[in-house]
All heavy atoms as atom14 arrays in JSON, in Angstrom:
{
  "sequence": "QTITNKATGKSEHFEINAYKKHCLMNGLDDIDFLVENKDKIEAWEVAH",
  "atom14_mask": [
    [1, 1, 1, 1, 1, 1, 1, 1, 1, 0, 0, 0, 0, 0],
    [1, 1, 1, 1, 1, 1, 1, 0, 0, 0, 0, 0, 0, 0],
    [1, 1, 1, 1, 1, 1, 1, 1, 0, 0, 0, 0, 0, 0],
    [1, 1, 1, 1, 1, 1, 1, 0, 0, 0, 0, 0, 0, 0],
    [1, 1, 1, 1, 1, 1, 1, 1, 0, 0, 0, 0, 0, 0],
    [1, 1, 1, 1, 1, 1, 1, 1, 1, 0, 0, 0, 0, 0],
    [1, 1, 1, 1, 1, 0, 0, 0, 0, 0, 0, 0, 0, 0],
    [1, 1, 1, 1, 1, 1, 1, 0, 0, 0, 0, 0, 0, 0],
    [1, 1, 1, 1, 0, 0, 0, 0, 0, 0, 0, 0, 0, 0],
    [1, 1, 1, 1, 1, 1, 1, 1, 1, 0, 0, 0, 0, 0],
    [1, 1, 1, 1, 1, 1, 0, 0, 0, 0, 0, 0, 0, 0],
    [1, 1, 1, 1, 1, 1, 1, 1, 1, 0, 0, 0, 0, 0],
    [1, 1, 1, 1, 1, 1, 1, 1, 1, 1, 0, 0, 0, 0],
    [1, 1, 1, 1, 1, 1, 1, 1, 1, 1, 1, 0, 0, 0],
    [1, 1, 1, 1, 1, 1, 1, 1, 1, 0, 0, 0, 0, 0],
    [1, 1, 1, 1, 1, 1, 1, 1, 0, 0, 0, 0, 0, 0],
    [1, 1, 1, 1, 1, 1, 1, 1, 0, 0, 0, 0, 0, 0],
    [1, 1, 1, 1, 1, 0, 0, 0, 0, 0, 0, 0, 0, 0],
    [1, 1, 1, 1, 1, 1, 1, 1, 1, 1, 1, 1, 0, 0],
    [1, 1, 1, 1, 1, 1, 1, 1, 1, 0, 0, 0, 0, 0],
    [1, 1, 1, 1, 1, 1, 1, 1, 1, 0, 0, 0, 0, 0],
    [1, 1, 1, 1, 1, 1, 1, 1, 1, 1, 0, 0, 0, 0],
    [1, 1, 1, 1, 1, 1, 0, 0, 0, 0, 0, 0, 0, 0],
    [1, 1, 1, 1, 1, 1, 1, 1, 0, 0, 0, 0, 0, 0],
    [1, 1, 1, 1, 1, 1, 1, 1, 0, 0, 0, 0, 0, 0],
    [1, 1, 1, 1, 1, 1, 1, 1, 0, 0, 0, 0, 0, 0],
    [1, 1, 1, 1, 0, 0, 0, 0, 0, 0, 0, 0, 0, 0],
    [1, 1, 1, 1, 1, 1, 1, 1, 0, 0, 0, 0, 0, 0],
    [1, 1, 1, 1, 1, 1, 1, 1, 0, 0, 0, 0, 0, 0],
    [1, 1, 1, 1, 1, 1, 1, 1, 0, 0, 0, 0, 0, 0],
    [1, 1, 1, 1, 1, 1, 1, 1, 0, 0, 0, 0, 0, 0],
    [1, 1, 1, 1, 1, 1, 1, 1, 0, 0, 0, 0, 0, 0],
    [1, 1, 1, 1, 1, 1, 1, 1, 1, 1, 1, 0, 0, 0],
    [1, 1, 1, 1, 1, 1, 1, 1, 0, 0, 0, 0, 0, 0],
    [1, 1, 1, 1, 1, 1, 1, 0, 0, 0, 0, 0, 0, 0],
    [1, 1, 1, 1, 1, 1, 1, 1, 1, 0, 0, 0, 0, 0],
    [1, 1, 1, 1, 1, 1, 1, 1, 0, 0, 0, 0, 0, 0],
    [1, 1, 1, 1, 1, 1, 1, 1, 1, 0, 0, 0, 0, 0],
    [1, 1, 1, 1, 1, 1, 1, 1, 0, 0, 0, 0, 0, 0],
    [1, 1, 1, 1, 1, 1, 1, 1, 1, 0, 0, 0, 0, 0],
    [1, 1, 1, 1, 1, 1, 1, 1, 0, 0, 0, 0, 0, 0],
    [1, 1, 1, 1, 1, 1, 1, 1, 1, 0, 0, 0, 0, 0],
    [1, 1, 1, 1, 1, 0, 0, 0, 0, 0, 0, 0, 0, 0],
    [1, 1, 1, 1, 1, 1, 1, 1, 1, 1, 1, 1, 1, 1],
    [1, 1, 1, 1, 1, 1, 1, 1, 1, 0, 0, 0, 0, 0],
    [1, 1, 1, 1, 1, 1, 1, 0, 0, 0, 0, 0, 0, 0],
    [1, 1, 1, 1, 1, 0, 0, 0, 0, 0, 0, 0, 0, 0],
    [1, 1, 1, 1, 1, 1, 1, 1, 1, 1, 0, 0, 0, 0]
  ],
  "atom14_positions": [
    [[84.28, 204.83, 63.25], [82.85, 204.5, 63.35], [82.13, 205.39, 64.37], [81.41, 204.92, 65.24], [82.65, 203.02, 63.68], [83.09, 202.08, 62.57], [83.0, 200.61, 62.92], [83.89, 199.83, 62.61], [81.92, 200.2, 63.59], [0.0, 0.0, 0.0], [0.0, 0.0, 0.0], [0.0, 0.0, 0.0], [0.0, 0.0, 0.0], [0.0, 0.0, 0.0]],
    [[82.36, 206.71, 64.24], [81.71, 207.66, 65.12], [81.02, 208.75, 64.31], [81.45, 209.09, 63.2], [82.71, 208.34, 66.08], [83.71, 209.03, 65.31], [83.34, 207.34, 67.02], [0.0, 0.0, 0.0], [0.0, 0.0, 0.0], [0.0, 0.0, 0.0], [0.0, 0.0, 0.0], [0.0, 0.0, 0.0], [0.0, 0.0, 0.0], [0.0, 0.0, 0.0]],
    [[79.97, 209.29, 64.87], [79.31, 210.47, 64.33], [79.25, 211.5, 65.45], [78.92, 211.18, 66.58], [77.89, 210.16, 63.78], [77.23, 211.46, 63.27], [77.01, 209.44, 64.79], [75.94, 211.22, 62.5], [0.0, 0.0, 0.0], [0.0, 0.0, 0.0], [0.0, 0.0, 0.0], [0.0, 0.0, 0.0], [0.0, 0.0, 0.0], [0.0, 0.0, 0.0]],
    [[79.62, 212.75, 65.1], [79.69, 213.82, 66.1], [78.81, 214.99, 65.67], [78.91, 215.46, 64.53], [81.13, 214.3, 66.28], [81.96, 213.2, 66.66], [81.21, 215.39, 67.35], [0.0, 0.0, 0.0], [0.0, 0.0, 0.0], [0.0, 0.0, 0.0], [0.0, 0.0, 0.0], [0.0, 0.0, 0.0], [0.0, 0.0, 0.0], [0.0, 0.0, 0.0]],
    [[77.96, 215.41, 66.58], [77.19, 216.63, 66.4], [78.11, 217.78, 66.81], [78.37, 217.98, 68.0], [75.93, 216.58, 67.27], [75.1, 217.84, 67.21], [75.55, 218.89, 66.77], [73.85, 217.75, 67.67], [0.0, 0.0, 0.0], [0.0, 0.0, 0.0], [0.0, 0.0, 0.0], [0.0, 0.0, 0.0], [0.0, 0.0, 0.0], [0.0, 0.0, 0.0]],
    [[78.61, 218.54, 65.84], [79.61, 219.57, 66.16], [79.0, 220.76, 66.89], [79.72, 221.56, 67.48], [80.33, 219.99, 64.88], [81.11, 218.83, 64.25], [82.05, 219.27, 63.18], [83.32, 219.83, 63.77], [84.33, 220.12, 62.74], [0.0, 0.0, 0.0], [0.0, 0.0, 0.0], [0.0, 0.0, 0.0], [0.0, 0.0, 0.0], [0.0, 0.0, 0.0]],
    [[77.67, 220.86, 66.87], [77.01, 221.95, 67.6], [77.05, 221.69, 69.11], [77.12, 222.62, 69.91], [75.57, 222.11, 67.13], [0.0, 0.0, 0.0], [0.0, 0.0, 0.0], [0.0, 0.0, 0.0], [0.0, 0.0, 0.0], [0.0, 0.0, 0.0], [0.0, 0.0, 0.0], [0.0, 0.0, 0.0], [0.0, 0.0, 0.0], [0.0, 0.0, 0.0]],
    [[77.0, 220.42, 69.5], [76.96, 220.08, 70.93], [78.23, 219.37, 71.4], [78.47, 219.26, 72.6], [75.77, 219.16, 71.25], [75.95, 217.92, 70.53], [74.45, 219.81, 70.83], [0.0, 0.0, 0.0], [0.0, 0.0, 0.0], [0.0, 0.0, 0.0], [0.0, 0.0, 0.0], [0.0, 0.0, 0.0], [0.0, 0.0, 0.0], [0.0, 0.0, 0.0]],
    [[78.99, 218.83, 70.43], [80.18, 218.06, 70.78], [79.9, 216.62, 71.13], [80.82, 215.85, 71.41], [0.0, 0.0, 0.0], [0.0, 0.0, 0.0], [0.0, 0.0, 0.0], [0.0, 0.0, 0.0], [0.0, 0.0, 0.0], [0.0, 0.0, 0.0], [0.0, 0.0, 0.0], [0.0, 0.0, 0.0], [0.0, 0.0, 0.0], [0.0, 0.0, 0.0]],
    [[78.65, 216.22, 71.1], [78.3, 214.84, 71.47], [78.55, 213.89, 70.29], [78.3, 214.23, 69.14], [76.85, 214.76, 71.92], [76.61, 215.43, 73.26], [75.2, 215.16, 73.76], [74.97, 215.86, 75.1], [73.58, 215.72, 75.55], [0.0, 0.0, 0.0], [0.0, 0.0, 0.0], [0.0, 0.0, 0.0], [0.0, 0.0, 0.0], [0.0, 0.0, 0.0]],
    [[79.02, 212.69, 70.63], [79.31, 211.67, 69.63], [78.62, 210.36, 69.97], [78.32, 210.1, 71.14], [80.82, 211.4, 69.55], [81.53, 212.52, 69.11], [0.0, 0.0, 0.0], [0.0, 0.0, 0.0], [0.0, 0.0, 0.0], [0.0, 0.0, 0.0], [0.0, 0.0, 0.0], [0.0, 0.0, 0.0], [0.0, 0.0, 0.0], [0.0, 0.0, 0.0]],
    [[78.39, 209.57, 68.94], [77.93, 208.18, 69.13], [78.72, 207.27, 68.21], [79.2, 207.69, 67.14], [76.43, 208.05, 68.82], [75.56, 208.4, 69.99], [74.14, 207.85, 69.88], [73.77, 207.23, 68.85], [73.39, 208.03, 70.84], [0.0, 0.0, 0.0], [0.0, 0.0, 0.0], [0.0, 0.0, 0.0], [0.0, 0.0, 0.0], [0.0, 0.0, 0.0]],
    [[78.87, 206.04, 68.65], [79.51, 205.0, 67.86], [78.44, 204.31, 67.02], [77.32, 204.13, 67.47], [80.18, 203.98, 68.79], [80.94, 202.9, 68.08], [80.37, 201.7, 67.73], [82.22, 202.87, 67.66], [81.28, 200.96, 67.11], [82.41, 201.63, 67.05], [0.0, 0.0, 0.0], [0.0, 0.0, 0.0], [0.0, 0.0, 0.0], [0.0, 0.0, 0.0]],
    [[78.77, 203.96, 65.78], [77.82, 203.21, 64.95], [78.46, 201.93, 64.43], [79.68, 201.82, 64.33], [77.29, 204.07, 63.79], [78.35, 204.54, 62.81], [78.73, 203.75, 61.72], [78.94, 205.8, 62.95], [79.69, 204.19, 60.82], [79.9, 206.25, 62.06], [80.28, 205.44, 60.98], [0.0, 0.0, 0.0], [0.0, 0.0, 0.0], [0.0, 0.0, 0.0]],
    [[77.61, 200.97, 64.12], [78.07, 199.66, 63.65], [78.07, 199.62, 62.11], [77.25, 200.26, 61.46], [77.16, 198.55, 64.18], [77.15, 198.42, 65.7], [78.51, 198.07, 66.27], [79.27, 197.33, 65.61], [78.82, 198.55, 67.37], [0.0, 0.0, 0.0], [0.0, 0.0, 0.0], [0.0, 0.0, 0.0], [0.0, 0.0, 0.0], [0.0, 0.0, 0.0]],
    [[79.01, 198.86, 61.57], [79.03, 198.61, 60.13], [79.73, 197.28, 59.89], [80.68, 196.92, 60.59], [79.73, 199.76, 59.35], [79.67, 199.48, 57.83], [81.15, 199.98, 59.82], [80.15, 200.62, 56.96], [0.0, 0.0, 0.0], [0.0, 0.0, 0.0], [0.0, 0.0, 0.0], [0.0, 0.0, 0.0], [0.0, 0.0, 0.0], [0.0, 0.0, 0.0]],
    [[79.24, 196.53, 58.92], [79.86, 195.27, 58.52], [81.32, 195.53, 58.11], [81.6, 196.47, 57.36], [79.03, 194.71, 57.35], [79.67, 193.51, 56.7], [80.6, 193.64, 55.91], [79.15, 192.34, 56.99], [0.0, 0.0, 0.0], [0.0, 0.0, 0.0], [0.0, 0.0, 0.0], [0.0, 0.0, 0.0], [0.0, 0.0, 0.0], [0.0, 0.0, 0.0]],
    [[82.24, 194.72, 58.59], [83.68, 194.94, 58.35], [84.02, 194.92, 56.86], [84.85, 195.71, 56.39], [84.49, 193.9, 59.1], [0.0, 0.0, 0.0], [0.0, 0.0, 0.0], [0.0, 0.0, 0.0], [0.0, 0.0, 0.0], [0.0, 0.0, 0.0], [0.0, 0.0, 0.0], [0.0, 0.0, 0.0], [0.0, 0.0, 0.0], [0.0, 0.0, 0.0]],
    [[83.39, 194.02, 56.12], [83.65, 193.94, 54.67], [83.19, 195.22, 53.97], [83.91, 195.79, 53.15], [82.94, 192.71, 54.08], [82.83, 192.73, 52.57], [83.96, 192.59, 51.78], [81.59, 192.88, 51.95], [83.86, 192.62, 50.4], [81.49, 192.9, 50.57], [82.63, 192.77, 49.79], [82.54, 192.81, 48.43], [0.0, 0.0, 0.0], [0.0, 0.0, 0.0]],
    [[81.98, 195.7, 54.32], [81.47, 196.91, 53.69], [82.31, 198.12, 54.09], [82.51, 199.04, 53.29], [80.0, 197.13, 54.06], [79.04, 196.17, 53.34], [79.15, 196.35, 51.84], [78.21, 195.42, 51.08], [78.43, 195.51, 49.61], [0.0, 0.0, 0.0], [0.0, 0.0, 0.0], [0.0, 0.0, 0.0], [0.0, 0.0, 0.0], [0.0, 0.0, 0.0]],
    [[82.78, 198.15, 55.32], [83.66, 199.23, 55.76], [84.93, 199.25, 54.9], [85.35, 200.32, 54.43], [84.0, 199.05, 57.24], [84.94, 200.12, 57.79], [85.2, 199.9, 59.28], [86.16, 200.94, 59.84], [86.38, 200.76, 61.29], [0.0, 0.0, 0.0], [0.0, 0.0, 0.0], [0.0, 0.0, 0.0], [0.0, 0.0, 0.0], [0.0, 0.0, 0.0]],
    [[85.53, 198.08, 54.7], [86.73, 197.98, 53.86], [86.46, 198.49, 52.45], [87.25, 199.25, 51.89], [87.21, 196.52, 53.81], [88.33, 196.29, 52.84], [89.64, 196.53, 53.15], [88.31, 195.86, 51.54], [90.4, 196.25, 52.09], [89.61, 195.84, 51.11], [0.0, 0.0, 0.0], [0.0, 0.0, 0.0], [0.0, 0.0, 0.0], [0.0, 0.0, 0.0]],
    [[85.31, 198.08, 51.89], [84.98, 198.5, 50.53], [84.78, 200.01, 50.44], [85.28, 200.66, 49.51], [83.72, 197.77, 50.05], [84.0, 196.02, 49.67], [0.0, 0.0, 0.0], [0.0, 0.0, 0.0], [0.0, 0.0, 0.0], [0.0, 0.0, 0.0], [0.0, 0.0, 0.0], [0.0, 0.0, 0.0], [0.0, 0.0, 0.0], [0.0, 0.0, 0.0]],
    [[84.05, 200.59, 51.39], [83.83, 202.04, 51.37], [85.14, 202.8, 51.52], [85.39, 203.77, 50.79], [82.87, 202.44, 52.5], [81.39, 202.15, 52.32], [80.64, 202.48, 53.61], [80.79, 202.94, 51.16], [0.0, 0.0, 0.0], [0.0, 0.0, 0.0], [0.0, 0.0, 0.0], [0.0, 0.0, 0.0], [0.0, 0.0, 0.0], [0.0, 0.0, 0.0]],
    [[85.99, 202.37, 52.44], [87.23, 203.1, 52.69], [88.21, 202.98, 51.52], [89.08, 203.85, 51.35], [87.88, 202.61, 53.98], [87.11, 203.02, 55.22], [87.95, 202.57, 56.76], [89.44, 203.58, 56.62], [0.0, 0.0, 0.0], [0.0, 0.0, 0.0], [0.0, 0.0, 0.0], [0.0, 0.0, 0.0], [0.0, 0.0, 0.0], [0.0, 0.0, 0.0]],
    [[88.04, 201.95, 50.71], [88.96, 201.76, 49.58], [88.32, 202.01, 48.22], [88.94, 201.8, 47.19], [89.55, 200.34, 49.64], [90.48, 200.16, 50.82], [91.62, 200.58, 50.78], [89.97, 199.58, 51.9], [0.0, 0.0, 0.0], [0.0, 0.0, 0.0], [0.0, 0.0, 0.0], [0.0, 0.0, 0.0], [0.0, 0.0, 0.0], [0.0, 0.0, 0.0]],
    [[87.05, 202.48, 48.25], [86.37, 202.8, 47.0], [86.11, 201.59, 46.12], [86.2, 201.66, 44.89], [0.0, 0.0, 0.0], [0.0, 0.0, 0.0], [0.0, 0.0, 0.0], [0.0, 0.0, 0.0], [0.0, 0.0, 0.0], [0.0, 0.0, 0.0], [0.0, 0.0, 0.0], [0.0, 0.0, 0.0], [0.0, 0.0, 0.0], [0.0, 0.0, 0.0]],
    [[85.78, 200.46, 46.73], [85.6, 199.21, 46.0], [84.15, 198.76, 46.01], [83.53, 198.73, 47.07], [86.45, 198.1, 46.63], [87.95, 198.35, 46.81], [88.56, 197.22, 47.65], [88.64, 198.45, 45.47], [0.0, 0.0, 0.0], [0.0, 0.0, 0.0], [0.0, 0.0, 0.0], [0.0, 0.0, 0.0], [0.0, 0.0, 0.0], [0.0, 0.0, 0.0]],
    [[83.62, 198.36, 44.85], [82.37, 197.63, 44.87], [82.7, 196.14, 44.93], [83.88, 195.76, 45.02], [81.48, 197.99, 43.68], [82.07, 197.64, 42.32], [82.98, 196.77, 42.26], [81.63, 198.22, 41.31], [0.0, 0.0, 0.0], [0.0, 0.0, 0.0], [0.0, 0.0, 0.0], [0.0, 0.0, 0.0], [0.0, 0.0, 0.0], [0.0, 0.0, 0.0]],
    [[81.69, 195.28, 44.89], [81.94, 193.84, 45.06], [82.85, 193.28, 43.97], [83.71, 192.43, 44.23], [80.61, 193.07, 45.08], [79.8, 193.37, 46.34], [80.39, 193.81, 47.34], [78.58, 193.17, 46.32], [0.0, 0.0, 0.0], [0.0, 0.0, 0.0], [0.0, 0.0, 0.0], [0.0, 0.0, 0.0], [0.0, 0.0, 0.0], [0.0, 0.0, 0.0]],
    [[82.67, 193.76, 42.73], [83.51, 193.29, 41.62], [84.94, 193.77, 41.79], [85.9, 193.01, 41.62], [82.95, 193.78, 40.26], [81.5, 193.28, 40.06], [83.83, 193.31, 39.11], [81.33, 191.79, 40.05], [0.0, 0.0, 0.0], [0.0, 0.0, 0.0], [0.0, 0.0, 0.0], [0.0, 0.0, 0.0], [0.0, 0.0, 0.0], [0.0, 0.0, 0.0]],
    [[85.1, 195.05, 42.15], [86.45, 195.59, 42.4], [87.17, 194.77, 43.46], [88.37, 194.5, 43.35], [86.38, 197.05, 42.89], [85.81, 198.0, 41.85], [86.04, 197.78, 40.65], [85.15, 198.98, 42.26], [0.0, 0.0, 0.0], [0.0, 0.0, 0.0], [0.0, 0.0, 0.0], [0.0, 0.0, 0.0], [0.0, 0.0, 0.0], [0.0, 0.0, 0.0]],
    [[86.42, 194.38, 44.51], [87.02, 193.61, 45.6], [87.54, 192.27, 45.09], [88.64, 191.84, 45.44], [86.0, 193.4, 46.72], [86.53, 192.6, 47.88], [87.32, 193.2, 48.86], [86.26, 191.25, 47.99], [87.82, 192.46, 49.93], [86.76, 190.5, 49.05], [87.54, 191.12, 50.02], [0.0, 0.0, 0.0], [0.0, 0.0, 0.0], [0.0, 0.0, 0.0]],
    [[86.74, 191.61, 44.24], [87.17, 190.33, 43.69], [88.39, 190.49, 42.8], [89.33, 189.7, 42.87], [86.02, 189.69, 42.88], [84.84, 189.17, 43.71], [83.72, 188.7, 42.79], [85.28, 188.04, 44.63], [0.0, 0.0, 0.0], [0.0, 0.0, 0.0], [0.0, 0.0, 0.0], [0.0, 0.0, 0.0], [0.0, 0.0, 0.0], [0.0, 0.0, 0.0]],
    [[88.4, 191.54, 41.98], [89.56, 191.8, 41.1], [90.8, 192.07, 41.94], [91.89, 191.58, 41.64], [89.26, 192.98, 40.15], [90.51, 193.4, 39.4], [88.15, 192.61, 39.17], [0.0, 0.0, 0.0], [0.0, 0.0, 0.0], [0.0, 0.0, 0.0], [0.0, 0.0, 0.0], [0.0, 0.0, 0.0], [0.0, 0.0, 0.0], [0.0, 0.0, 0.0]],
    [[90.62, 192.85, 43.03], [91.74, 193.17, 43.92], [92.34, 191.91, 44.52], [93.54, 191.85, 44.81], [91.24, 194.11, 45.03], [92.33, 194.64, 45.94], [91.78, 195.47, 47.1], [90.99, 194.92, 47.9], [92.12, 196.65, 47.21], [0.0, 0.0, 0.0], [0.0, 0.0, 0.0], [0.0, 0.0, 0.0], [0.0, 0.0, 0.0], [0.0, 0.0, 0.0]],
    [[91.5, 190.88, 44.71], [91.95, 189.64, 45.35], [92.1, 188.49, 44.36], [92.12, 187.31, 44.76], [90.97, 189.25, 46.46], [91.09, 190.19, 47.65], [91.96, 190.02, 48.49], [90.21, 191.18, 47.73], [0.0, 0.0, 0.0], [0.0, 0.0, 0.0], [0.0, 0.0, 0.0], [0.0, 0.0, 0.0], [0.0, 0.0, 0.0], [0.0, 0.0, 0.0]],
    [[92.24, 188.83, 43.07], [92.31, 187.8, 42.02], [93.46, 186.81, 42.27], [93.29, 185.6, 42.14], [92.51, 188.51, 40.67], [92.54, 187.59, 39.47], [92.52, 188.41, 38.19], [92.6, 187.51, 36.99], [93.89, 187.55, 36.29], [0.0, 0.0, 0.0], [0.0, 0.0, 0.0], [0.0, 0.0, 0.0], [0.0, 0.0, 0.0], [0.0, 0.0, 0.0]],
    [[94.62, 187.34, 42.66], [95.77, 186.45, 42.88], [95.5, 185.46, 44.01], [95.86, 184.29, 43.91], [97.03, 187.27, 43.2], [97.49, 188.1, 41.99], [97.0, 187.83, 40.88], [98.32, 189.01, 42.18], [0.0, 0.0, 0.0], [0.0, 0.0, 0.0], [0.0, 0.0, 0.0], [0.0, 0.0, 0.0], [0.0, 0.0, 0.0], [0.0, 0.0, 0.0]],
    [[94.88, 185.94, 45.08], [94.57, 185.06, 46.22], [93.55, 183.99, 45.81], [93.66, 182.83, 46.2], [94.01, 185.88, 47.38], [95.0, 186.83, 48.01], [94.32, 187.65, 49.11], [95.26, 188.73, 49.64], [94.57, 189.61, 50.6], [0.0, 0.0, 0.0], [0.0, 0.0, 0.0], [0.0, 0.0, 0.0], [0.0, 0.0, 0.0], [0.0, 0.0, 0.0]],
    [[92.56, 184.4, 45.01], [91.54, 183.46, 44.55], [92.18, 182.38, 43.68], [91.92, 181.17, 43.84], [90.42, 184.2, 43.79], [89.66, 185.14, 44.75], [89.46, 183.21, 43.14], [88.75, 186.13, 44.05], [0.0, 0.0, 0.0], [0.0, 0.0, 0.0], [0.0, 0.0, 0.0], [0.0, 0.0, 0.0], [0.0, 0.0, 0.0], [0.0, 0.0, 0.0]],
    [[93.03, 182.82, 42.76], [93.69, 181.86, 41.85], [94.61, 180.92, 42.63], [94.68, 179.72, 42.34], [94.45, 182.61, 40.76], [93.53, 183.29, 39.75], [94.26, 184.12, 38.73], [95.48, 184.4, 38.94], [93.64, 184.49, 37.72], [0.0, 0.0, 0.0], [0.0, 0.0, 0.0], [0.0, 0.0, 0.0], [0.0, 0.0, 0.0], [0.0, 0.0, 0.0]],
    [[95.3, 181.47, 43.62], [96.2, 180.62, 44.44], [95.4, 179.58, 45.22], [95.8, 178.42, 45.32], [97.0, 181.5, 45.4], [0.0, 0.0, 0.0], [0.0, 0.0, 0.0], [0.0, 0.0, 0.0], [0.0, 0.0, 0.0], [0.0, 0.0, 0.0], [0.0, 0.0, 0.0], [0.0, 0.0, 0.0], [0.0, 0.0, 0.0], [0.0, 0.0, 0.0]],
    [[94.23, 179.98, 45.73], [93.37, 179.04, 46.46], [92.89, 177.94, 45.52], [92.88, 176.75, 45.89], [92.18, 179.79, 47.05], [91.35, 178.93, 47.97], [91.46, 178.78, 49.3], [90.23, 178.1, 47.59], [90.52, 177.91, 49.79], [89.75, 177.47, 48.75], [89.61, 177.83, 46.36], [88.67, 176.6, 48.74], [88.55, 176.94, 46.34], [88.08, 176.33, 47.51]],
    [[92.5, 178.34, 44.29], [92.01, 177.34, 43.34], [93.11, 176.33, 42.98], [92.85, 175.14, 42.87], [91.51, 178.05, 42.07], [90.18, 178.78, 42.28], [89.73, 179.53, 41.05], [90.58, 179.83, 40.19], [88.52, 179.82, 40.96], [0.0, 0.0, 0.0], [0.0, 0.0, 0.0], [0.0, 0.0, 0.0], [0.0, 0.0, 0.0], [0.0, 0.0, 0.0]],
    [[94.32, 176.82, 42.81], [95.46, 175.92, 42.49], [95.69, 174.96, 43.66], [95.87, 173.75, 43.48], [96.72, 176.74, 42.18], [97.95, 175.82, 42.15], [96.57, 177.46, 40.85], [0.0, 0.0, 0.0], [0.0, 0.0, 0.0], [0.0, 0.0, 0.0], [0.0, 0.0, 0.0], [0.0, 0.0, 0.0], [0.0, 0.0, 0.0], [0.0, 0.0, 0.0]],
    [[95.66, 175.5, 44.87], [95.93, 174.68, 46.06], [94.85, 173.65, 46.31], [95.12, 172.6, 46.92], [96.07, 175.59, 47.29], [0.0, 0.0, 0.0], [0.0, 0.0, 0.0], [0.0, 0.0, 0.0], [0.0, 0.0, 0.0], [0.0, 0.0, 0.0], [0.0, 0.0, 0.0], [0.0, 0.0, 0.0], [0.0, 0.0, 0.0], [0.0, 0.0, 0.0]],
    [[93.61, 173.91, 45.84], [92.51, 173.0, 46.13], [92.02, 172.25, 44.88], [90.97, 171.62, 44.9], [91.34, 173.77, 46.75], [91.67, 174.29, 48.11], [92.37, 175.46, 48.32], [91.42, 173.79, 49.37], [92.53, 175.66, 49.62], [91.97, 174.68, 50.27], [0.0, 0.0, 0.0], [0.0, 0.0, 0.0], [0.0, 0.0, 0.0], [0.0, 0.0, 0.0]]
  ]
}
């Protein structure tokens, strides 16, 4: 979560929602994320 100006070497930290960070780093949209977690969702439904 950093951006660096390579001309000056200066960097800053930036904020991002943890869920959106996970999706960007794994190439997932919201539907992909649900499909990826289908087993967990189904297990929760069975348990509840």
